[in-house]
Amino acid sequence: QVQLQESGGGSVQSGGSLTLSCTVSGYISSTSTYGWFRQGPGKEREGVAAIASMTTTTYADSVKGRFTILADNVKNILYLRMNSLNPEDTAIYYCAAARGMILAGTTALREQNYGAWGRGTQVTVSS
């Protein structure tokens, strides 16, 4: 079972940037999909971004143009670069893996398709 560990969360002011990292045990597979999800206060967990086959990316409408998902298969680290943050981005951010599955579009942002999860890292954006 793949293990995932997030890091890089913290507090930032509105308009600021953060980069989250997710260390993937073993290796980042080109035949799998990896995603970032978040759960804000009082909200359900939602898909933010996903990357399949190391290149195919999917983003939620709420983060398009602001967030970028990247996979480094040398360091086995998944990244989420977040720019122009606003208070609505405040949440616990989780990385997840769907091993052996190539997902795209809305399917890639559905948490039920992912079998391995990290514990999450808190991101707080103040106005």
C-alpha atoms as a PDB file:
ATOM      1  CA  GLN A   1       0.000   0.000   0.000  1.00  0.00           C
ATOM      2  CA  VAL A   2       1.442   3.341  -1.008  1.00  0.00           C
ATOM      3  CA  GLN A   3       1.991   5.815   1.826  1.00  0.00           C
ATOM      4  CA  LEU A   4       1.629   9.562   1.450  1.00  0.00           C
ATOM      5  CA  GLN A   5       2.850  12.389   3.684  1.00  0.00           C
ATOM      6  CA  GLU A   6       1.939  16.031   3.153  1.00  0.00           C
ATOM      7  CA  SER A   7       3.972  19.038   4.234  1.00  0.00           C
ATOM      8  CA  GLY A   8       4.238  22.748   3.544  1.00  0.00           C
ATOM      9  CA  GLY A   9       1.005  23.989   5.053  1.00  0.00           C
ATOM     10  CA  GLY A  10       0.871  27.155   7.088  1.00  0.00           C
ATOM     11  CA  SER A  11      -0.679  30.575   7.466  1.00  0.00           C
ATOM     12  CA  VAL A  12      -0.561  33.210   4.742  1.00  0.00           C
ATOM     13  CA  GLN A  13      -2.267  36.484   3.998  1.00  0.00           C
ATOM     14  CA  SER A  14      -4.772  36.894   1.200  1.00  0.00           C
ATOM     15  CA  GLY A  15      -2.993  37.201  -2.128  1.00  0.00           C
ATOM     16  CA  GLY A  16      -0.038  35.164  -0.928  1.00  0.00           C
ATOM     17  CA  SER A  17       1.406  31.867  -2.132  1.00  0.00           C
ATOM     18  CA  LEU A  18       2.237  28.458  -0.688  1.00  0.00           C
ATOM     19  CA  THR A  19       3.614  25.251  -2.112  1.00  0.00           C
ATOM     20  CA  LEU A  20       2.478  21.956  -0.619  1.00  0.00           C
ATOM     21  CA  SER A  21       4.517  18.786  -0.961  1.00  0.00           C
ATOM     22  CA  CYS A  22       3.461  15.167  -0.732  1.00  0.00           C
ATOM     23  CA  THR A  23       6.114  12.501  -0.362  1.00  0.00           C
ATOM     24  CA  VAL A  24       5.057   9.257  -2.030  1.00  0.00           C
ATOM     25  CA  SER A  25       6.532   6.006  -0.714  1.00  0.00           C
ATOM     26  CA  GLY A  26       8.148   3.820  -3.338  1.00  0.00           C
ATOM     27  CA  TYR A  27       7.758   5.649  -6.596  1.00  0.00           C
ATOM     28  CA  ILE A  28       5.378   7.873  -8.529  1.00  0.00           C
ATOM     29  CA  SER A  29       3.846   5.609 -11.142  1.00  0.00           C
ATOM     30  CA  SER A  30       3.172   6.785 -14.689  1.00  0.00           C
ATOM     31  CA  THR A  31       0.160   4.464 -14.762  1.00  0.00           C
ATOM     32  CA  SER A  32      -1.527   6.065 -11.774  1.00  0.00           C
ATOM     33  CA  THR A  33      -3.346   9.235 -10.841  1.00  0.00           C
ATOM     34  CA  TYR A  34      -2.435  11.468  -7.928  1.00  0.00           C
ATOM     35  CA  GLY A  35      -4.605  14.191  -6.538  1.00  0.00           C
ATOM     36  CA  TRP A  36      -4.960  16.979  -4.043  1.00  0.00           C
ATOM     37  CA  PHE A  37      -8.167  17.374  -2.074  1.00  0.00           C
ATOM     38  CA  ARG A  38      -9.225  19.829   0.627  1.00  0.00           C
ATOM     39  CA  GLN A  39     -11.782  20.106   3.370  1.00  0.00           C
ATOM     40  CA  GLY A  40     -12.676  23.556   4.617  1.00  0.00           C
ATOM     41  CA  PRO A  41     -14.392  24.342   7.926  1.00  0.00           C
ATOM     42  CA  GLY A  42     -17.915  22.943   7.868  1.00  0.00           C
ATOM     43  CA  LYS A  43     -17.526  21.725   4.297  1.00  0.00           C
ATOM     44  CA  GLU A  44     -17.246  18.375   2.596  1.00  0.00           C
ATOM     45  CA  ARG A  45     -13.945  17.281   1.141  1.00  0.00           C
ATOM     46  CA  GLU A  46     -13.551  18.365  -2.473  1.00  0.00           C
ATOM     47  CA  GLY A  47     -11.127  17.628  -5.274  1.00  0.00           C
ATOM     48  CA  VAL A  48      -8.733  20.441  -6.104  1.00  0.00           C
ATOM     49  CA  ALA A  49      -6.298  19.096  -8.698  1.00  0.00           C
ATOM     50  CA  ALA A  50      -5.118  15.807 -10.140  1.00  0.00           C
ATOM     51  CA  ILE A  51      -2.353  14.543 -12.397  1.00  0.00           C
ATOM     52  CA  ALA A  52      -2.420  11.309 -14.376  1.00  0.00           C
ATOM     53  CA  SER A  53       0.349   9.638 -16.360  1.00  0.00           C
ATOM     54  CA  MET A  54       2.716  12.321 -15.069  1.00  0.00           C
ATOM     55  CA  THR A  55       1.281  14.875 -17.519  1.00  0.00           C
ATOM     56  CA  THR A  56      -2.523  15.026 -17.737  1.00  0.00           C
ATOM     57  CA  THR A  57      -3.842  17.548 -15.248  1.00  0.00           C
ATOM     58  CA  THR A  58      -7.326  18.377 -14.005  1.00  0.00           C
ATOM     59  CA  TYR A  59      -8.319  21.347 -11.875  1.00  0.00           C
ATOM     60  CA  ALA A  60     -11.427  22.394 -10.017  1.00  0.00           C
ATOM     61  CA  ASP A  61     -12.940  25.565 -11.456  1.00  0.00           C
ATOM     62  CA  SER A  62     -12.332  27.375  -8.184  1.00  0.00           C
ATOM     63  CA  VAL A  63      -8.543  27.039  -8.490  1.00  0.00           C
ATOM     64  CA  LYS A  64      -7.918  27.145 -12.243  1.00  0.00           C
ATOM     65  CA  GLY A  65      -5.240  29.656 -13.111  1.00  0.00           C
ATOM     66  CA  ARG A  66      -4.113  29.893  -9.470  1.00  0.00           C
ATOM     67  CA  PHE A  67      -3.015  26.365  -8.525  1.00  0.00           C
ATOM     68  CA  THR A  68      -0.570  24.078 -10.312  1.00  0.00           C
ATOM     69  CA  ILE A  69      -0.073  20.354  -9.667  1.00  0.00           C
ATOM     70  CA  LEU A  70       3.318  18.843 -10.438  1.00  0.00           C
ATOM     71  CA  ALA A  71       4.836  15.384 -10.021  1.00  0.00           C
ATOM     72  CA  ASP A  72       8.569  14.790  -9.634  1.00  0.00           C
ATOM     73  CA  ASN A  73       9.231  11.115 -10.308  1.00  0.00           C
ATOM     74  CA  VAL A  74      12.913  11.425  -9.376  1.00  0.00           C
ATOM     75  CA  LYS A  75      12.261  12.701  -5.873  1.00  0.00           C
ATOM     76  CA  ASN A  76       8.866  10.929  -5.692  1.00  0.00           C
ATOM     77  CA  ILE A  77       7.177  14.120  -4.556  1.00  0.00           C
ATOM     78  CA  LEU A  78       3.833  15.539  -5.601  1.00  0.00           C
ATOM     79  CA  TYR A  79       3.501  19.333  -5.396  1.00  0.00           C
ATOM     80  CA  LEU A  80       0.646  21.801  -5.288  1.00  0.00           C
ATOM     81  CA  ARG A  81       1.693  25.358  -6.010  1.00  0.00           C
ATOM     82  CA  MET A  82      -0.932  27.798  -4.814  1.00  0.00           C
ATOM     83  CA  ASN A  83      -0.966  31.451  -5.845  1.00  0.00           C
ATOM     84  CA  SER A  84      -3.393  34.310  -5.232  1.00  0.00           C
ATOM     85  CA  LEU A  85      -4.734  32.596  -2.150  1.00  0.00           C
ATOM     86  CA  ASN A  86      -7.927  33.865  -0.576  1.00  0.00           C
ATOM     87  CA  PRO A  87      -9.737  33.025   2.676  1.00  0.00           C
ATOM     88  CA  GLU A  88     -11.991  30.552   0.829  1.00  0.00           C
ATOM     89  CA  ASP A  89      -8.884  28.422   0.249  1.00  0.00           C
ATOM     90  CA  THR A  90      -8.565  27.822   3.999  1.00  0.00           C
ATOM     91  CA  ALA A  91      -8.767  24.069   4.515  1.00  0.00           C
ATOM     92  CA  ILE A  92      -6.951  20.891   5.393  1.00  0.00           C
ATOM     93  CA  TYR A  93      -5.253  19.718   2.209  1.00  0.00           C
ATOM     94  CA  TYR A  94      -4.803  16.015   1.482  1.00  0.00           C
ATOM     95  CA  CYS A  95      -2.879  14.195  -1.194  1.00  0.00           C
ATOM     96  CA  ALA A  96      -4.183  10.910  -2.536  1.00  0.00           C
ATOM     97  CA  ALA A  97      -3.235   8.177  -4.955  1.00  0.00           C
ATOM     98  CA  ALA A  98      -5.274   6.063  -7.340  1.00  0.00           C
ATOM     99  CA  ARG A  99      -2.729   3.376  -8.201  1.00  0.00           C
ATOM    100  CA  GLY A 100      -3.129   1.686 -11.561  1.00  0.00           C
ATOM    101  CA  MET A 101      -5.858   4.091 -12.633  1.00  0.00           C
ATOM    102  CA  ILE A 102      -5.728   6.838 -15.245  1.00  0.00           C
ATOM    103  CA  LEU A 103      -8.354   9.414 -14.377  1.00  0.00           C
ATOM    104  CA  ALA A 104      -9.264  12.654 -16.092  1.00  0.00           C
ATOM    105  CA  GLY A 105     -11.920  15.306 -15.925  1.00  0.00           C
ATOM    106  CA  THR A 106     -14.450  15.248 -13.113  1.00  0.00           C
ATOM    107  CA  THR A 107     -13.637  11.591 -12.424  1.00  0.00           C
ATOM    108  CA  ALA A 108     -10.153  12.612 -11.338  1.00  0.00           C
ATOM    109  CA  LEU A 109     -11.600  14.887  -8.673  1.00  0.00           C
ATOM    110  CA  ARG A 110     -13.875  12.304  -7.048  1.00  0.00           C
ATOM    111  CA  GLU A 111     -12.443  11.075  -3.767  1.00  0.00           C
ATOM    112  CA  GLN A 112     -14.092   7.651  -4.025  1.00  0.00           C
ATOM    113  CA  ASN A 113     -11.677   6.823  -6.856  1.00  0.00           C
ATOM    114  CA  TYR A 114      -8.638   7.153  -4.590  1.00  0.00           C
ATOM    115  CA  GLY A 115      -7.469   4.353  -2.336  1.00  0.00           C
ATOM    116  CA  ALA A 116      -4.537   5.871  -0.478  1.00  0.00           C
ATOM    117  CA  TRP A 117      -4.524   9.088   1.499  1.00  0.00           C
ATOM    118  CA  GLY A 118      -2.183  11.240   3.511  1.00  0.00           C
ATOM    119  CA  ARG A 119      -3.133  12.727   6.874  1.00  0.00           C
ATOM    120  CA  GLY A 120      -3.422  16.271   5.609  1.00  0.00           C
ATOM    121  CA  THR A 121      -1.786  19.638   6.174  1.00  0.00           C
ATOM    122  CA  GLN A 122      -3.548  22.799   7.308  1.00  0.00           C
ATOM    123  CA  VAL A 123      -3.614  25.916   5.134  1.00  0.00           C
ATOM    124  CA  THR A 124      -5.016  29.102   6.634  1.00  0.00           C
ATOM    125  CA  VAL A 125      -5.499  32.263   4.593  1.00  0.00           C
ATOM    126  CA  SER A 126      -6.286  35.461   6.438  1.00  0.00           C
ATOM    127  CA  SER A 127      -7.869  38.534   4.895  1.00  0.00           C
END
